[in-house]
Amino acid sequence: MRWLGSWISKMASIKLVAIFAIVIVSAVVGLVWPFFTNLHLNPLPSTTHMWHMGKGSQYDPEMVYRVSFNNTNFTADIKFLPIQDNNQSLLVQIKPIDGNKIINQTVQIGLVYDYPNVLPEAKPYFDILDQSVFSMRDYATVDQYLAKGAEWGDLYIGANHEKLTVTDVGTMSFGFGSANAYMLSYRMGANENKFWIVDNLPLPVKAQVYNFDGTVDYTFELVSLKAPSTPGLS
């Protein structure tokens, strides 16, 4: 029976070695796998530019938009004021197209560009700006890649799953002039909703967005820009 006891002892030793080897391999895989996973999920080069809401606001640009939302049309002159005590404010001048009185409103910039406490006469217009010019905060309060094919976020429209993606890059013309821009888009039924970003400008410069029934929900475009200190813009 000695041979049986020796055999059992050898098998137990082999089992312990095998278990030890599995533990070592698992530990190595656990350390290395996230590295390869990140390489797979983040293939964009480290030199790719990035953008977030508010990027370039420190250069105090003044941006005039033409906005159309349902049957409401107006221009919004949005001026980024100099930073004071680590805070920055916007001076927004609303000019309704129908000739109603001009509205001036100063607000402090928040993290999500949300301004609930404004004058009663300014609130309807700020509600529109909240859903249009400032709406990119839903996808870019943190840095996002400016590169063709970069995905900025998921959208669930009814039963459809869409992704907001950079689909075009290059020199493009706008109401304020030409600039190197990045177009982001996603499908809305038979139409394509589009947004245009210019690096170092703190807000999108143009958008065209449809409802699910194919009617236009809103449009806006930057028609005048004063940004003499902003890098990359002449």
Protein backbone atom coordinates (compact mmCIF):
# COMPACT_ATOMS: atom_id res chain seq x y z
CA MET A 1 0.00 0.00 0.00
CA ARG A 2 3.05 2.26 0.24
CA TRP A 3 2.96 2.86 -3.49
CA LEU A 4 -0.68 4.04 -3.16
CA GLY A 5 0.20 6.52 -0.41
CA SER A 6 3.13 7.83 -2.45
CA TRP A 7 0.95 8.20 -5.51
CA ILE A 8 -1.72 10.15 -3.57
CA SER A 9 0.99 12.43 -2.14
CA LYS A 10 2.41 13.13 -5.60
CA MET A 11 -1.07 13.87 -7.00
CA ALA A 12 -1.78 16.30 -4.15
CA SER A 13 1.52 18.10 -4.87
CA ILE A 14 0.71 18.33 -8.57
CA LYS A 15 -2.77 19.72 -7.74
CA LEU A 16 -1.29 22.40 -5.48
CA VAL A 17 1.21 23.43 -8.18
CA ALA A 18 -1.58 23.59 -10.76
CA ILE A 19 -3.75 25.75 -8.50
CA PHE A 20 -0.80 28.06 -7.79
CA ALA A 21 -0.12 28.40 -11.53
CA ILE A 22 -3.78 29.26 -12.22
CA VAL A 23 -3.69 31.96 -9.53
CA ILE A 24 -0.52 33.49 -11.00
CA VAL A 25 -1.92 33.46 -14.56
CA SER A 26 -5.21 34.98 -13.39
CA ALA A 27 -3.37 37.77 -11.59
CA VAL A 28 -1.28 38.56 -14.65
CA VAL A 29 -4.35 38.57 -16.91
CA GLY A 30 -6.16 40.81 -14.43
CA LEU A 31 -3.34 43.35 -14.62
CA VAL A 32 -2.77 43.23 -18.36
CA TRP A 33 -6.35 42.89 -19.66
CA PRO A 34 -7.52 46.45 -18.79
CA PHE A 35 -4.52 47.80 -20.67
CA PHE A 36 -5.44 45.96 -23.86
CA THR A 37 -9.12 46.78 -23.35
CA ASN A 38 -8.35 50.48 -23.18
CA LEU A 39 -6.24 50.22 -26.30
CA HIS A 40 -9.19 48.69 -28.09
CA LEU A 41 -11.80 51.16 -26.82
CA ASN A 42 -9.69 54.28 -27.21
CA PRO A 43 -7.95 54.03 -30.59
CA LEU A 44 -7.74 57.81 -31.14
CA PRO A 45 -4.24 59.32 -31.09
CA SER A 46 -3.13 61.30 -28.06
CA THR A 47 -2.62 64.36 -30.28
CA THR A 48 -6.35 64.58 -31.15
CA HIS A 49 -7.94 67.84 -30.05
CA MET A 50 -10.67 67.75 -27.44
CA TRP A 51 -13.61 70.03 -26.66
CA HIS A 52 -16.03 70.67 -23.84
CA MET A 53 -18.74 73.25 -23.20
CA GLY A 54 -17.04 76.49 -22.27
CA LYS A 55 -13.66 75.75 -23.84
CA GLY A 56 -12.15 79.09 -24.84
CA SER A 57 -14.45 81.17 -22.63
CA GLN A 58 -11.38 82.64 -20.91
CA TYR A 59 -10.68 84.60 -24.12
CA ASP A 60 -13.94 86.53 -23.58
CA PRO A 61 -15.56 86.04 -27.01
CA GLU A 62 -18.76 87.76 -28.03
CA MET A 63 -21.05 85.46 -30.03
CA VAL A 64 -24.23 86.60 -31.79
CA TYR A 65 -26.71 83.85 -32.71
CA ARG A 66 -29.77 83.75 -34.91
CA VAL A 67 -32.20 81.33 -33.24
CA SER A 68 -35.44 79.81 -34.54
CA PHE A 69 -37.53 77.60 -32.25
CA ASN A 70 -41.02 76.64 -33.44
CA ASN A 71 -42.56 80.05 -34.23
CA THR A 72 -40.16 82.08 -32.09
CA ASN A 73 -37.30 83.89 -33.81
CA PHE A 74 -34.71 86.12 -32.19
CA THR A 75 -31.03 87.00 -32.02
CA ALA A 76 -29.01 86.35 -28.88
CA ASP A 77 -25.84 88.37 -28.32
CA ILE A 78 -23.87 86.26 -25.82
CA LYS A 79 -20.83 87.98 -24.37
CA PHE A 80 -18.43 86.13 -22.08
CA LEU A 81 -17.31 88.62 -19.45
CA PRO A 82 -13.80 88.64 -17.91
CA ILE A 83 -13.24 86.15 -15.10
CA GLN A 84 -13.43 87.63 -11.60
CA ASP A 85 -12.69 85.70 -8.40
CA ASN A 86 -12.60 82.45 -10.43
CA ASN A 87 -16.15 83.07 -11.67
CA GLN A 88 -17.34 84.08 -15.11
CA SER A 89 -20.62 85.57 -16.24
CA LEU A 90 -22.53 86.00 -19.48
CA LEU A 91 -24.15 89.19 -20.68
CA VAL A 92 -26.98 88.07 -22.94
CA GLN A 93 -28.93 90.54 -25.08
CA ILE A 94 -32.13 89.20 -26.66
CA LYS A 95 -33.51 90.93 -29.75
CA PRO A 96 -36.88 89.48 -30.82
CA ILE A 97 -37.42 89.52 -34.58
CA ASP A 98 -41.04 90.66 -34.10
CA GLY A 99 -39.86 94.01 -32.78
CA ASN A 100 -40.58 93.45 -29.10
CA LYS A 101 -38.32 95.27 -26.66
CA ILE A 102 -34.68 94.25 -26.29
CA ILE A 103 -33.94 92.25 -23.14
CA ASN A 104 -30.60 92.35 -21.30
CA GLN A 105 -29.75 89.64 -18.78
CA THR A 106 -26.52 88.89 -16.91
CA VAL A 107 -26.07 85.37 -15.52
CA GLN A 108 -23.21 83.56 -13.86
CA ILE A 109 -21.95 80.56 -15.81
CA GLY A 110 -22.75 77.28 -14.11
CA LEU A 111 -21.26 73.86 -14.76
CA VAL A 112 -24.20 72.77 -16.93
CA TYR A 113 -25.10 76.16 -18.46
CA ASP A 114 -28.50 76.10 -16.75
CA TYR A 115 -30.09 79.44 -15.85
CA PRO A 116 -33.43 79.06 -14.04
CA ASN A 117 -33.30 82.40 -12.20
CA VAL A 118 -33.69 85.07 -14.86
CA LEU A 119 -36.03 88.00 -15.35
CA PRO A 120 -39.63 87.00 -16.22
CA GLU A 121 -39.39 88.66 -19.64
CA ALA A 122 -36.12 86.81 -20.35
CA LYS A 123 -37.29 83.37 -19.20
CA PRO A 124 -39.09 82.24 -22.41
CA TYR A 125 -35.96 83.00 -24.43
CA PHE A 126 -33.60 81.37 -21.93
CA ASP A 127 -35.83 78.27 -22.01
CA ILE A 128 -35.23 78.14 -25.77
CA LEU A 129 -31.48 78.73 -25.40
CA ASP A 130 -31.45 75.97 -22.80
CA GLN A 131 -32.87 73.52 -25.37
CA SER A 132 -30.75 74.72 -28.28
CA VAL A 133 -27.50 76.71 -27.98
CA PHE A 134 -26.73 75.34 -24.50
CA SER A 135 -28.01 71.79 -25.14
CA MET A 136 -24.58 70.34 -25.97
CA ARG A 137 -23.89 70.33 -22.22
CA ASP A 138 -25.77 67.00 -22.18
CA TYR A 139 -22.83 65.42 -24.03
CA ALA A 140 -19.76 67.59 -23.43
CA THR A 141 -19.43 68.91 -19.90
CA VAL A 142 -16.18 66.89 -19.96
CA ASP A 143 -13.62 66.67 -22.78
CA GLN A 144 -14.74 64.90 -25.96
CA TYR A 145 -12.56 63.99 -28.94
CA LEU A 146 -12.62 66.20 -32.02
CA ALA A 147 -11.88 63.53 -34.62
CA LYS A 148 -13.94 61.94 -37.37
CA GLY A 149 -15.66 58.84 -36.04
CA ALA A 150 -15.43 59.87 -32.35
CA GLU A 151 -18.61 59.00 -30.44
CA TRP A 152 -19.90 61.54 -27.92
CA GLY A 153 -22.89 59.76 -26.42
CA ASP A 154 -25.95 57.55 -26.76
CA LEU A 155 -29.48 58.65 -27.60
CA TYR A 156 -32.61 56.54 -27.21
CA ILE A 157 -35.36 57.77 -29.54
CA GLY A 158 -38.41 55.60 -29.15
CA ALA A 159 -37.21 52.07 -29.89
CA ASN A 160 -34.13 53.33 -31.73
CA HIS A 161 -30.62 53.59 -30.31
CA GLU A 162 -28.49 56.29 -31.95
CA LYS A 163 -25.01 57.65 -31.25
CA LEU A 164 -23.93 61.29 -31.49
CA THR A 165 -20.83 60.97 -33.68
CA VAL A 166 -18.34 63.30 -35.37
CA THR A 167 -19.16 62.68 -39.04
CA ASP A 168 -17.33 65.45 -40.89
CA VAL A 169 -14.23 67.60 -40.36
CA GLY A 170 -12.81 70.47 -42.40
CA THR A 171 -13.10 74.12 -43.36
CA MET A 172 -16.76 75.14 -43.40
CA SER A 173 -18.68 78.37 -43.97
CA PHE A 174 -21.02 79.92 -41.41
CA GLY A 175 -22.81 83.22 -40.92
CA PHE A 176 -19.79 84.64 -39.09
CA GLY A 177 -17.26 83.41 -41.68
CA SER A 178 -15.20 80.30 -42.44
CA ALA A 179 -13.46 78.12 -39.85
CA ASN A 180 -12.12 74.63 -39.36
CA ALA A 181 -15.12 72.84 -37.86
CA TYR A 182 -16.39 69.46 -36.70
CA MET A 183 -19.89 68.29 -37.57
CA LEU A 184 -21.66 65.91 -35.20
CA SER A 185 -24.84 64.10 -36.18
CA TYR A 186 -27.37 61.41 -35.37
CA ARG A 187 -30.45 60.08 -37.13
CA MET A 188 -33.96 61.28 -36.27
CA GLY A 189 -36.33 59.22 -38.36
CA ALA A 190 -35.65 60.01 -42.02
CA ASN A 191 -33.57 63.09 -41.14
CA GLU A 192 -30.14 63.74 -39.72
CA ASN A 193 -29.75 66.09 -36.78
CA LYS A 194 -26.53 68.09 -37.00
CA PHE A 195 -24.35 70.23 -34.73
CA TRP A 196 -21.18 72.11 -35.66
CA ILE A 197 -18.28 72.75 -33.25
CA VAL A 198 -15.26 75.04 -33.69
CA ASP A 199 -12.36 74.32 -31.37
CA ASN A 200 -11.68 77.02 -28.74
CA LEU A 201 -15.17 78.50 -29.11
CA PRO A 202 -17.17 77.76 -25.96
CA LEU A 203 -20.52 77.02 -27.65
CA PRO A 204 -21.60 75.20 -30.84
CA VAL A 205 -21.71 77.51 -33.85
CA LYS A 206 -24.65 75.94 -35.67
CA ALA A 207 -27.36 73.29 -35.35
CA GLN A 208 -30.29 71.91 -37.31
CA VAL A 209 -32.56 69.57 -35.34
CA TYR A 210 -35.75 67.78 -36.43
CA ASN A 211 -38.69 66.33 -34.57
CA PHE A 212 -39.53 62.66 -35.05
CA ASP A 213 -42.37 63.62 -37.44
CA GLY A 214 -39.86 65.26 -39.79
CA THR A 215 -40.64 68.90 -38.94
CA VAL A 216 -37.82 71.22 -37.87
CA ASP A 217 -37.58 71.50 -34.09
CA TYR A 218 -35.02 74.29 -33.96
CA THR A 219 -32.08 75.86 -35.73
CA PHE A 220 -29.39 78.26 -34.62
CA GLU A 221 -26.30 79.74 -36.22
CA LEU A 222 -23.49 82.00 -35.12
CA VAL A 223 -23.80 85.05 -37.39
CA SER A 224 -21.28 87.39 -35.77
CA LEU A 225 -18.14 86.69 -33.76
CA LYS A 226 -15.72 88.92 -31.87
CA ALA A 227 -12.88 86.76 -30.58
CA PRO A 228 -9.58 88.58 -31.22
CA SER A 229 -7.70 86.68 -28.49
CA THR A 230 -8.96 83.20 -29.30
CA PRO A 231 -6.22 80.86 -30.63
CA GLY A 232 -6.75 79.56 -34.15
CA LEU A 233 -9.16 82.30 -35.20
CA SER A 234 -8.20 85.37 -37.14
